Amino acid sequence: MKKILAIALIAAWGGIMFGTSHALAAQQHATTKTLVVAMHDPGCHFFLVHGKLTTSARVTGSVRLVNRDEATLKIASRTGMQHIRVGRSLVLHRGHYVVTMVRQASDDNYLKLTVR
């Protein structure tokens, strides 16, 4: 009886360890990329991609949009409008987005983001 109990415990422990390792591996593959919206004149705000400023970006997979601008950002898509306060972030999934600043001047940039 003790041998059967010991074997059952070892099998259960191995199953837990095997399942946990697969869950951790899946979690590592599903990481989101980070995209920063930075303040820079002229134009007020840009995406910061690999150290360069740009007004459009394409990302494969989910993206965490971080607001390093001077005011709250508005993120518009087909599904509605979302806001990101300064210093905060928002995870965006597949879709097309237009990023503007709250009370934006007419000569400021409209940022376009495509998430595949």
Protein backbone atom coordinates (compact mmCIF):
# COMPACT_ATOMS: atom_id res chain seq x y z
CA MET A 1 0.00 0.00 0.00
CA LYS A 2 2.86 2.39 0.83
CA LYS A 3 4.48 1.69 -2.57
CA ILE A 4 1.26 2.50 -4.44
CA LEU A 5 0.81 5.71 -2.47
CA ALA A 6 4.43 6.73 -3.11
CA ILE A 7 4.10 6.05 -6.85
CA ALA A 8 0.83 8.02 -7.01
CA LEU A 9 2.45 10.99 -5.22
CA ILE A 10 5.48 10.94 -7.52
CA ALA A 11 3.24 10.76 -10.61
CA ALA A 12 1.10 13.64 -9.34
CA TRP A 13 4.17 15.74 -8.54
CA GLY A 14 5.62 15.07 -12.01
CA GLY A 15 2.31 16.07 -13.61
CA ILE A 16 2.23 19.33 -11.67
CA MET A 17 5.83 20.15 -12.60
CA PHE A 18 5.27 19.24 -16.27
CA GLY A 19 2.09 21.33 -16.47
CA THR A 20 3.72 24.29 -14.74
CA SER A 21 6.72 24.28 -17.06
CA HIS A 22 4.43 24.34 -20.10
CA ALA A 23 2.39 27.19 -18.63
CA LEU A 24 5.57 29.21 -18.02
CA ALA A 25 6.84 28.52 -21.54
CA ALA A 26 3.52 29.64 -23.05
CA GLN A 27 3.57 32.77 -20.93
CA GLN A 28 7.05 33.72 -22.17
CA HIS A 29 5.97 33.45 -25.82
CA ALA A 30 2.92 35.69 -25.28
CA THR A 31 4.79 38.79 -24.09
CA THR A 32 3.58 42.16 -25.33
CA LYS A 33 5.85 44.65 -27.04
CA THR A 34 6.16 48.19 -25.72
CA LEU A 35 5.62 51.26 -27.89
CA VAL A 36 6.28 54.72 -26.42
CA VAL A 37 4.50 57.93 -27.43
CA ALA A 38 7.07 60.66 -26.74
CA MET A 39 6.92 64.46 -26.66
CA HIS A 40 9.01 66.22 -29.32
CA ASP A 41 8.66 69.55 -31.15
CA PRO A 42 7.71 70.28 -33.88
CA GLY A 43 4.64 68.11 -34.15
CA CYS A 44 4.18 67.59 -30.40
CA HIS A 45 4.13 63.78 -30.21
CA PHE A 46 5.68 60.81 -32.03
CA PHE A 47 6.11 57.07 -31.67
CA LEU A 48 9.61 56.25 -30.43
CA VAL A 49 10.73 53.17 -32.40
CA HIS A 50 14.33 51.93 -32.04
CA GLY A 51 15.48 55.43 -31.05
CA LYS A 52 13.79 57.14 -34.02
CA LEU A 53 10.69 59.34 -34.06
CA THR A 54 7.88 58.35 -36.44
CA THR A 55 4.19 59.13 -36.94
CA SER A 56 3.13 55.62 -37.92
CA ALA A 57 3.94 52.14 -36.63
CA ARG A 58 3.04 48.52 -37.37
CA VAL A 59 3.32 45.88 -34.68
CA THR A 60 2.69 42.14 -34.81
CA GLY A 61 0.96 40.85 -31.69
CA SER A 62 -0.32 42.82 -28.73
CA VAL A 63 1.37 46.10 -27.88
CA ARG A 64 1.60 48.12 -24.65
CA LEU A 65 1.26 51.79 -25.56
CA VAL A 66 3.04 54.01 -23.02
CA ASN A 67 2.23 57.74 -22.75
CA ARG A 68 5.35 59.88 -22.25
CA ASP A 69 3.69 62.95 -23.82
CA GLU A 70 2.65 66.14 -22.04
CA ALA A 71 -1.11 65.44 -21.88
CA THR A 72 -3.67 62.64 -21.99
CA LEU A 73 -3.82 60.70 -25.26
CA LYS A 74 -6.98 59.66 -27.10
CA ILE A 75 -6.84 56.30 -28.88
CA ALA A 76 -9.59 55.94 -31.47
CA SER A 77 -10.57 52.72 -33.23
CA ARG A 78 -13.66 51.19 -34.79
CA THR A 79 -14.72 49.89 -31.39
CA GLY A 80 -14.57 53.26 -29.63
CA MET A 81 -12.33 55.74 -27.87
CA GLN A 82 -9.93 55.13 -24.98
CA HIS A 83 -7.74 57.51 -22.99
CA ILE A 84 -4.24 57.12 -21.52
CA ARG A 85 -3.10 59.60 -18.89
CA VAL A 86 0.52 60.78 -18.76
CA GLY A 87 2.85 58.08 -17.41
CA ARG A 88 0.26 55.31 -17.84
CA SER A 89 -0.02 52.54 -20.41
CA LEU A 90 -2.67 50.57 -22.25
CA VAL A 91 -2.49 47.18 -23.99
CA LEU A 92 -3.90 47.23 -27.51
CA HIS A 93 -4.79 44.17 -29.56
CA ARG A 94 -5.36 43.61 -33.26
CA GLY A 95 -6.79 46.62 -35.12
CA HIS A 96 -6.15 50.06 -36.58
CA TYR A 97 -5.77 52.99 -34.17
CA VAL A 98 -5.40 56.77 -34.44
CA VAL A 99 -3.63 58.46 -31.54
CA THR A 100 -4.17 62.15 -30.78
CA MET A 101 -3.77 64.37 -27.75
CA VAL A 102 -6.67 65.80 -25.75
CA ARG A 103 -7.35 69.39 -26.91
CA GLN A 104 -4.80 68.90 -29.70
CA ALA A 105 -3.78 71.86 -31.87
CA SER A 106 -4.58 71.58 -35.56
CA ASP A 107 -0.88 71.43 -36.57
CA ASP A 108 0.01 68.54 -34.20
CA ASN A 109 0.62 65.01 -35.47
CA TYR A 110 -2.02 62.32 -35.83
CA LEU A 111 -0.31 59.02 -35.05
CA LYS A 112 -1.40 55.87 -36.87
CA LEU A 113 -0.89 52.45 -35.32
CA THR A 114 -1.62 49.07 -36.92
CA VAL A 115 -1.59 46.00 -34.67
CA ARG A 116 -1.67 42.68 -36.51
